[in-house]
């Protein structure tokens, strides 16, 4: 009456797929990218990458070394409160150190913040604040109402409301963020990861005598396998006596049953050096530095170093300096009420001497222009009546 099943009548297990036994599923592995936050990018792309470090230093130092002039619609000043403040912005920094820190923060994070120390009128001191410690507080309409500066768990708020702002926020263009800028370091993050990985791979290759050591083949025993103790002992001896640069070329003594099979890289395996150079060029391109100026081989875009240097100033240094100095001028004008502008003095840039001479020659030979028109074309203020 009760349908019992016999224990020995177990169902026969079958494969769900007829080709299951001939398919080998093998993953390719996931790509490990470095974190994209400001601190991690600065650590991997600036302090841990020579190309990124040199590119940032090259742009920041060149822009900070540009001569700065102060000019308004009426005259060009050699002695002005803005120039005095910029020449010694605070007790710990001069103009070059202050501007280099400002440009460096903008290149590394896409944002630069300057604090004004003043009650009323022109600030007494200017300080560059670290961008990774600053956060913007937006209001209900999206405009910033405050800036929070956090250090060691302590927070200081710079309120933005009536009157001039105590903080000048300079940011790069970001198409998908209304409050923060996009840094060149973020755009070059993938190339930085590739360059750093190639450097680590090259270092590991040198630690192993610049080639894969080879294979130790065990020919003894019935099953052709080492015991667990033999395997561990062999690994320890290999790591202690035969791996690393200090053991390169050291003879190896093998016991019975072990055979050494040397191995080498094929030409395709050695392409990592070209990959590293290509990544270095991408990093330099992201920062606007001609690869020739960083000593990266394989780049023949410019005929010579002089052309590359002129393009570097025209396309990278001068636009950056003009934008930063212009923003500082407008911000300081809100404090002082003086409408003078700070701008790079193009007439004193050695890299642009050939262009300057050609421009002055063309303008000087234009007999159909008046003296006032020539001065306007050269960016000079109009002459006073006594000078005429």
Protein backbone atom coordinates (compact mmCIF):
# COMPACT_ATOMS: atom_id res chain seq x y z
CA UNK A 1 0.00 0.00 0.00
CA UNK A 2 2.84 2.39 0.76
CA UNK A 3 5.25 2.94 -2.17
CA UNK A 4 8.68 2.55 -0.56
CA UNK A 5 11.82 3.36 -2.52
CA UNK A 6 14.84 1.14 -2.29
CA UNK A 7 18.02 2.72 -0.96
CA UNK A 8 20.12 1.21 -3.69
CA UNK A 9 17.97 2.70 -6.42
CA UNK A 10 19.51 6.18 -6.37
CA UNK A 11 18.84 8.28 -9.47
CA UNK A 12 21.62 8.49 -11.98
CA UNK A 13 23.17 12.00 -12.14
CA UNK A 14 23.61 13.41 -15.61
CA UNK A 15 25.22 16.57 -16.91
CA UNK A 16 22.91 19.38 -17.91
CA UNK A 17 25.00 20.03 -21.01
CA UNK A 18 26.56 17.50 -23.33
CA UNK A 19 29.56 19.79 -23.84
CA UNK A 20 30.04 20.55 -20.15
CA UNK A 21 33.09 18.37 -19.77
CA UNK A 22 34.94 20.01 -22.66
CA UNK A 23 34.29 23.64 -21.69
CA UNK A 24 36.80 25.35 -19.43
CA UNK A 25 35.40 28.51 -17.88
CA UNK A 26 38.24 30.91 -17.09
CA UNK A 27 37.94 34.54 -16.03
CA UNK A 28 40.34 37.14 -17.33
CA UNK A 29 40.59 38.93 -13.99
CA UNK A 30 39.32 42.36 -13.06
CA UNK A 31 41.35 45.50 -13.67
CA UNK A 32 42.50 47.07 -10.41
CA UNK A 33 42.33 50.86 -10.67
CA UNK A 34 43.57 53.19 -7.97
CA UNK A 35 40.97 55.19 -5.99
CA UNK A 36 39.84 58.42 -7.60
CA UNK A 37 39.59 60.62 -4.50
CA UNK A 38 41.84 63.67 -4.21
CA UNK A 39 44.22 62.23 -1.62
CA UNK A 40 44.72 58.94 -3.52
CA UNK A 41 45.19 60.66 -6.88
CA UNK A 42 47.77 63.03 -5.40
CA UNK A 43 49.61 60.13 -3.80
CA UNK A 44 49.70 57.95 -6.92
CA UNK A 45 49.97 60.67 -9.58
CA UNK A 46 52.22 63.27 -7.96
CA UNK A 47 54.20 61.91 -5.04
CA UNK A 48 54.41 58.41 -6.55
CA UNK A 49 54.85 59.12 -10.26
CA UNK A 50 57.89 60.95 -11.70
CA UNK A 51 56.12 62.08 -14.87
CA UNK A 52 53.16 63.56 -13.00
CA UNK A 53 55.47 65.15 -10.42
CA UNK A 54 57.65 66.81 -13.03
CA UNK A 55 54.69 67.94 -15.16
CA UNK A 56 53.00 69.67 -12.21
CA UNK A 57 56.27 71.22 -11.01
CA UNK A 58 57.11 72.42 -14.52
CA UNK A 59 53.77 74.17 -15.06
CA UNK A 60 53.47 75.57 -11.52
CA UNK A 61 57.03 76.88 -11.35
CA UNK A 62 56.88 78.42 -14.84
CA UNK A 63 53.57 80.16 -14.09
CA UNK A 64 54.78 81.37 -10.68
CA UNK A 65 57.96 82.81 -12.20
CA UNK A 66 56.09 84.97 -14.73
CA UNK A 67 56.55 88.72 -14.17
CA UNK A 68 53.28 90.28 -13.00
CA UNK A 69 52.17 93.76 -13.93
CA UNK A 70 49.38 95.89 -12.51
CA UNK A 71 47.41 97.99 -14.96
CA UNK A 72 44.06 99.69 -15.34
CA UNK A 73 42.44 101.63 -18.16
CA UNK A 74 44.47 104.74 -17.35
CA UNK A 75 48.00 103.67 -16.48
CA UNK A 76 50.44 100.86 -15.78
CA UNK A 77 51.79 100.86 -12.24
CA UNK A 78 55.21 99.92 -10.98
CA UNK A 79 54.27 100.60 -7.36
CA UNK A 80 50.80 99.51 -6.29
CA UNK A 81 49.23 98.01 -3.14
CA UNK A 82 48.27 94.88 -5.11
CA UNK A 83 51.86 94.36 -6.21
CA UNK A 84 53.08 94.94 -2.66
CA UNK A 85 50.62 92.37 -1.28
CA UNK A 86 51.50 89.84 -3.97
CA UNK A 87 55.23 90.26 -3.42
CA UNK A 88 54.82 89.24 0.25
CA UNK A 89 51.41 87.59 0.70
CA UNK A 90 52.19 86.26 4.19
CA UNK A 91 55.04 85.93 6.65
CA UNK A 92 56.00 82.43 5.50
CA UNK A 93 55.81 82.81 1.71
CA UNK A 94 57.00 85.11 -1.00
CA UNK A 95 55.33 85.61 -4.35
CA UNK A 96 56.92 82.60 -6.03
CA UNK A 97 56.10 80.16 -3.19
CA UNK A 98 52.56 81.49 -2.86
CA UNK A 99 51.77 81.29 -6.57
CA UNK A 100 53.44 77.89 -6.98
CA UNK A 101 51.26 76.46 -4.20
CA UNK A 102 48.19 78.06 -5.76
CA UNK A 103 48.89 76.69 -9.24
CA UNK A 104 49.85 73.29 -7.82
CA UNK A 105 46.55 72.94 -5.96
CA UNK A 106 44.64 73.87 -9.12
CA UNK A 107 46.52 71.33 -11.26
CA UNK A 108 46.27 68.49 -8.73
CA UNK A 109 42.69 68.92 -7.55
CA UNK A 110 40.99 71.24 -10.03
CA UNK A 111 40.29 73.68 -7.19
CA UNK A 112 42.35 76.38 -5.46
CA UNK A 113 41.33 78.38 -2.40
CA UNK A 114 42.88 81.62 -1.12
CA UNK A 115 42.02 83.05 2.30
CA UNK A 116 42.07 86.81 2.91
CA UNK A 117 43.15 88.01 6.35
CA UNK A 118 41.56 91.44 6.75
CA UNK A 119 38.79 93.29 8.52
CA UNK A 120 38.12 96.00 5.96
CA UNK A 121 39.84 97.12 2.81
CA UNK A 122 42.71 95.36 1.10
CA UNK A 123 43.75 92.12 2.86
CA UNK A 124 46.83 92.19 5.02
CA UNK A 125 47.76 88.57 4.23
CA UNK A 126 46.84 85.89 1.70
CA UNK A 127 47.03 82.15 2.42
CA UNK A 128 46.60 79.18 0.07
CA UNK A 129 44.32 76.57 1.65
CA UNK A 130 44.53 72.86 0.90
CA UNK A 131 41.78 71.81 -1.47
CA UNK A 132 41.35 68.34 0.03
CA UNK A 133 40.36 69.94 3.35
CA UNK A 134 37.85 72.39 1.91
CA UNK A 135 34.19 71.67 1.18
CA UNK A 136 31.60 73.99 -0.32
CA UNK A 137 28.23 74.48 1.39
CA UNK A 138 25.54 75.28 -1.20
CA UNK A 139 22.40 77.21 -0.39
CA UNK A 140 18.84 76.46 -1.40
CA UNK A 141 19.43 78.16 -4.75
CA UNK A 142 22.68 76.29 -5.45
CA UNK A 143 25.05 79.20 -4.83
CA UNK A 144 27.67 78.77 -2.10
CA UNK A 145 26.76 80.19 1.29
CA UNK A 146 29.88 79.00 3.15
CA UNK A 147 33.14 77.07 2.91
CA UNK A 148 34.09 74.52 5.57
CA UNK A 149 37.78 73.89 6.24
CA UNK A 150 38.37 70.71 8.24
CA UNK A 151 41.67 69.75 9.90
CA UNK A 152 42.05 66.95 12.44
CA UNK A 153 38.36 66.75 13.26
CA UNK A 154 38.08 70.52 13.76
CA UNK A 155 36.03 72.59 11.35
CA UNK A 156 36.19 76.28 10.55
CA UNK A 157 33.41 77.86 8.49
CA UNK A 158 33.99 80.81 6.17
CA UNK A 159 30.58 82.42 5.72
CA UNK A 160 29.77 83.90 2.32
CA UNK A 161 27.14 86.58 2.39
CA UNK A 162 27.10 90.34 2.35
CA UNK A 163 30.35 92.02 1.44
CA UNK A 164 33.47 90.54 -0.11
CA UNK A 165 34.04 86.81 0.30
CA UNK A 166 36.80 85.77 2.73
CA UNK A 167 37.72 82.91 0.37
CA UNK A 168 38.57 83.10 -3.32
CA UNK A 169 37.61 79.85 -5.05
CA UNK A 170 39.39 79.24 -8.36
CA UNK A 171 38.27 76.12 -10.19
CA UNK A 172 38.84 74.42 -13.50
CA UNK A 173 36.01 73.69 -15.89
CA UNK A 174 33.99 70.61 -15.01
CA UNK A 175 31.10 69.69 -17.33
CA UNK A 176 29.27 67.60 -14.71
CA UNK A 177 29.84 69.47 -11.45
CA UNK A 178 28.44 72.87 -10.50
CA UNK A 179 30.71 73.48 -7.52
CA UNK A 180 34.06 71.76 -8.02
CA UNK A 181 36.55 71.74 -10.87
CA UNK A 182 38.05 68.84 -12.83
CA UNK A 183 41.77 68.39 -12.39
CA UNK A 184 44.28 67.33 -15.02
CA UNK A 185 45.31 64.59 -12.59
CA UNK A 186 41.83 63.06 -12.80
CA UNK A 187 41.95 63.03 -16.60
CA UNK A 188 45.35 61.33 -16.50
CA UNK A 189 44.42 58.81 -13.78
CA UNK A 190 44.20 55.83 -16.13
CA UNK A 191 47.56 56.61 -17.75
CA UNK A 192 49.09 57.06 -14.29
CA UNK A 193 47.88 53.62 -13.22
CA UNK A 194 49.36 52.08 -16.37
CA UNK A 195 52.68 53.88 -15.88
CA UNK A 196 52.92 52.90 -12.21
CA UNK A 197 52.02 49.28 -13.00
CA UNK A 198 54.69 49.17 -15.72
CA UNK A 199 57.24 50.54 -13.24
CA UNK A 200 56.33 47.90 -10.66
CA UNK A 201 56.48 45.19 -13.32
CA UNK A 202 59.93 46.40 -14.40
CA UNK A 203 61.10 46.45 -10.78
CA UNK A 204 59.88 42.89 -10.24
CA UNK A 205 61.62 41.86 -13.43
CA UNK A 206 64.92 43.31 -12.20
CA UNK A 207 64.52 41.53 -8.89
CA UNK A 208 64.40 38.29 -10.82
CA UNK A 209 67.55 38.84 -12.91
CA UNK A 210 65.63 40.66 -15.67
CA UNK A 211 63.93 37.49 -16.90
CA UNK A 212 61.50 34.89 -15.61
CA UNK A 213 63.72 32.49 -13.71
CA UNK A 214 62.47 29.35 -15.34
CA UNK A 215 60.78 26.14 -14.31
CA UNK A 216 62.00 23.38 -11.99
CA UNK A 217 60.70 20.06 -13.27
CA UNK A 218 60.50 17.12 -10.85
CA UNK A 219 61.17 13.79 -12.55
CA UNK A 220 61.35 11.50 -9.53
CA UNK A 221 58.69 9.46 -7.75
CA UNK A 222 55.90 7.38 -9.09
CA UNK A 223 53.29 10.11 -9.32
CA UNK A 224 55.75 12.83 -10.40
CA UNK A 225 54.85 15.12 -7.49
CA UNK A 226 56.81 16.49 -4.54
CA UNK A 227 55.64 15.92 -1.02
CA UNK A 228 54.38 18.90 0.96
CA UNK A 229 57.58 19.12 3.01
CA UNK A 230 59.78 18.90 -0.09
CA UNK A 231 57.76 21.58 -1.85
CA UNK A 232 57.93 24.01 1.10
CA UNK A 233 61.66 23.42 1.53
CA UNK A 234 62.29 24.05 -2.16
CA UNK A 235 60.32 27.30 -2.09
CA UNK A 236 62.21 28.56 0.97
CA UNK A 237 65.58 27.79 -0.59
CA UNK A 238 64.62 29.50 -3.85
CA UNK A 239 63.40 32.68 -2.09
CA UNK A 240 66.39 32.83 0.27
CA UNK A 241 69.26 31.99 -2.08
CA UNK A 242 68.25 32.48 -5.70
CA UNK A 243 65.72 35.37 -5.97
CA UNK A 244 66.46 39.07 -5.93
CA UNK A 245 69.06 41.33 -7.50
CA UNK A 246 71.75 40.39 -4.96
CA UNK A 247 71.46 36.72 -6.01
CA UNK A 248 71.60 37.36 -9.76
CA UNK A 249 73.92 34.89 -11.48
CA UNK A 250 74.30 32.73 -8.39
CA UNK A 251 74.75 29.02 -9.31
CA UNK A 252 71.94 26.67 -8.36
CA UNK A 253 72.48 23.21 -6.86
CA UNK A 254 69.64 20.81 -7.58
CA UNK A 255 69.14 17.44 -5.94
CA UNK A 256 68.23 14.23 -7.69
CA UNK A 257 65.01 14.23 -9.65
CA UNK A 258 64.98 18.02 -10.28
CA UNK A 259 65.70 19.52 -13.67
CA UNK A 260 66.08 23.26 -14.47
CA UNK A 261 64.37 24.62 -17.58
CA UNK A 262 65.40 28.24 -18.29
CA UNK A 263 62.78 30.55 -19.77
CA UNK A 264 62.89 33.92 -21.51
CA UNK A 265 60.58 36.65 -22.78
CA UNK A 266 59.44 36.86 -26.35
CA UNK A 267 59.63 40.23 -28.13
CA UNK A 268 55.89 40.73 -27.64
CA UNK A 269 56.33 40.31 -23.88
CA UNK A 270 58.88 43.11 -23.87
CA UNK A 271 56.34 45.67 -25.21
CA UNK A 272 55.76 46.93 -21.68
CA UNK A 273 58.45 49.58 -22.19
CA UNK A 274 56.58 51.07 -25.15
CA UNK A 275 53.38 50.91 -23.11
CA UNK A 276 55.09 52.81 -20.32
CA UNK A 277 56.33 55.49 -22.72
CA UNK A 278 52.85 55.83 -24.24
CA UNK A 279 51.36 56.26 -20.75
CA UNK A 280 53.99 58.90 -19.95
CA UNK A 281 53.04 60.85 -23.09
CA UNK A 282 49.37 60.71 -22.08
CA UNK A 283 50.19 62.09 -18.63
CA UNK A 284 52.23 64.91 -20.15
CA UNK A 285 49.43 65.68 -22.62
CA UNK A 286 46.85 65.91 -19.83
CA UNK A 287 48.93 68.58 -18.09
CA UNK A 288 49.70 70.44 -21.32
CA UNK A 289 53.45 69.75 -21.25
CA UNK A 290 55.21 68.77 -24.50
CA UNK A 291 56.66 65.27 -23.94
CA UNK A 292 59.97 66.50 -25.35
CA UNK A 293 60.38 68.76 -22.31
CA UNK A 294 60.06 65.78 -19.98
CA UNK A 295 62.63 63.69 -21.83
CA UNK A 296 60.07 61.20 -23.11
CA UNK A 297 61.43 59.46 -26.25
CA UNK A 298 59.52 58.91 -29.43
CA UNK A 299 57.87 62.31 -29.70
CA UNK A 300 58.64 64.41 -32.78
CA UNK A 301 55.71 66.84 -32.76
CA UNK A 302 57.97 69.88 -32.48
CA UNK A 303 61.00 70.53 -34.66
CA UNK A 304 63.18 71.50 -31.72
CA UNK A 305 63.16 72.25 -28.03
CA UNK A 306 62.71 75.98 -28.58
CA UNK A 307 59.46 75.43 -30.47
CA UNK A 308 58.22 73.06 -27.75
CA UNK A 309 59.06 75.60 -25.05
CA UNK A 310 57.23 78.38 -26.89
CA UNK A 311 54.16 76.17 -27.36
CA UNK A 312 54.33 75.22 -23.67
CA UNK A 313 54.11 78.87 -22.62
CA UNK A 314 51.53 79.87 -25.20
CA UNK A 315 49.13 76.93 -24.74
CA UNK A 316 49.56 76.06 -21.05
CA UNK A 317 51.40 78.51 -18.81
CA UNK A 318 50.02 81.84 -20.02
CA UNK A 319 46.31 80.82 -20.14
CA UNK A 320 46.59 79.36 -16.64
CA UNK A 321 48.37 82.40 -15.21
CA UNK A 322 46.02 84.87 -16.92
CA UNK A 323 42.93 83.10 -15.55
CA UNK A 324 44.26 82.80 -11.99
CA UNK A 325 45.60 86.35 -11.81
CA UNK A 326 42.39 87.71 -13.33
CA UNK A 327 40.27 85.92 -10.72
CA UNK A 328 42.52 87.17 -7.92
CA UNK A 329 42.24 90.74 -9.29
CA UNK A 330 38.44 90.68 -9.30
CA UNK A 331 38.33 89.17 -5.80
CA UNK A 332 40.80 91.70 -4.35
CA UNK A 333 38.94 94.52 -6.09
CA UNK A 334 35.86 93.61 -4.04
CA UNK A 335 37.94 94.12 -0.89
CA UNK A 336 39.79 97.31 -1.85
CA UNK A 337 37.44 98.95 -4.31
CA UNK A 338 40.36 99.42 -6.71
CA UNK A 339 39.77 98.15 -10.23
CA UNK A 340 43.39 97.51 -11.21
CA UNK A 341 44.11 94.23 -12.98
CA UNK A 342 46.93 91.75 -12.40
CA UNK A 343 48.19 90.04 -15.54
CA UNK A 344 51.35 88.33 -16.82
CA UNK A 345 53.88 90.66 -18.38
CA UNK A 346 54.35 89.07 -21.81
CA UNK A 347 57.16 91.47 -22.71
CA UNK A 348 59.43 89.88 -20.10
CA UNK A 349 58.91 86.22 -20.97
CA UNK A 350 62.15 84.95 -22.59
CA UNK A 351 60.38 82.10 -24.39
CA UNK A 352 58.24 84.61 -26.31
CA UNK A 353 61.04 87.00 -27.28
CA UNK A 354 60.92 86.05 -30.97
CA UNK A 355 57.15 86.59 -31.16
CA UNK A 356 57.44 89.87 -29.24
CA UNK A 357 60.14 91.22 -31.57
CA UNK A 358 58.08 90.31 -34.64
CA UNK A 359 54.96 91.95 -33.22
CA UNK A 360 56.73 95.14 -32.24
CA UNK A 361 58.35 95.30 -35.68
CA UNK A 362 55.02 94.90 -37.50
CA UNK A 363 53.28 97.49 -35.33
CA UNK A 364 56.19 99.92 -35.53
CA UNK A 365 56.31 99.72 -39.33
CA UNK A 366 52.56 100.35 -39.69
CA UNK A 367 52.69 104.00 -40.76
CA UNK A 368 48.91 104.24 -41.09
CA UNK A 369 48.47 103.78 -37.31
CA UNK A 370 48.69 106.57 -34.78
CA UNK A 371 50.80 106.30 -31.64
CA UNK A 372 47.68 105.76 -29.53
CA UNK A 373 46.49 102.94 -31.80
CA UNK A 374 49.91 101.28 -31.68
CA UNK A 375 49.93 101.37 -27.89
CA UNK A 376 46.47 99.87 -27.79
CA UNK A 377 47.52 97.01 -30.09
CA UNK A 378 50.49 96.27 -27.84
CA UNK A 379 48.32 96.25 -24.72
CA UNK A 380 49.81 99.44 -23.31
CA UNK A 381 47.75 102.13 -21.54
CA UNK A 382 47.34 105.50 -23.32
CA UNK A 383 50.04 108.08 -22.76
CA UNK A 384 49.41 111.11 -20.60
CA UNK A 385 49.40 114.55 -22.15
CA UNK A 386 52.76 115.43 -20.62
CA UNK A 387 54.36 112.32 -22.15
CA UNK A 388 53.06 113.12 -25.61
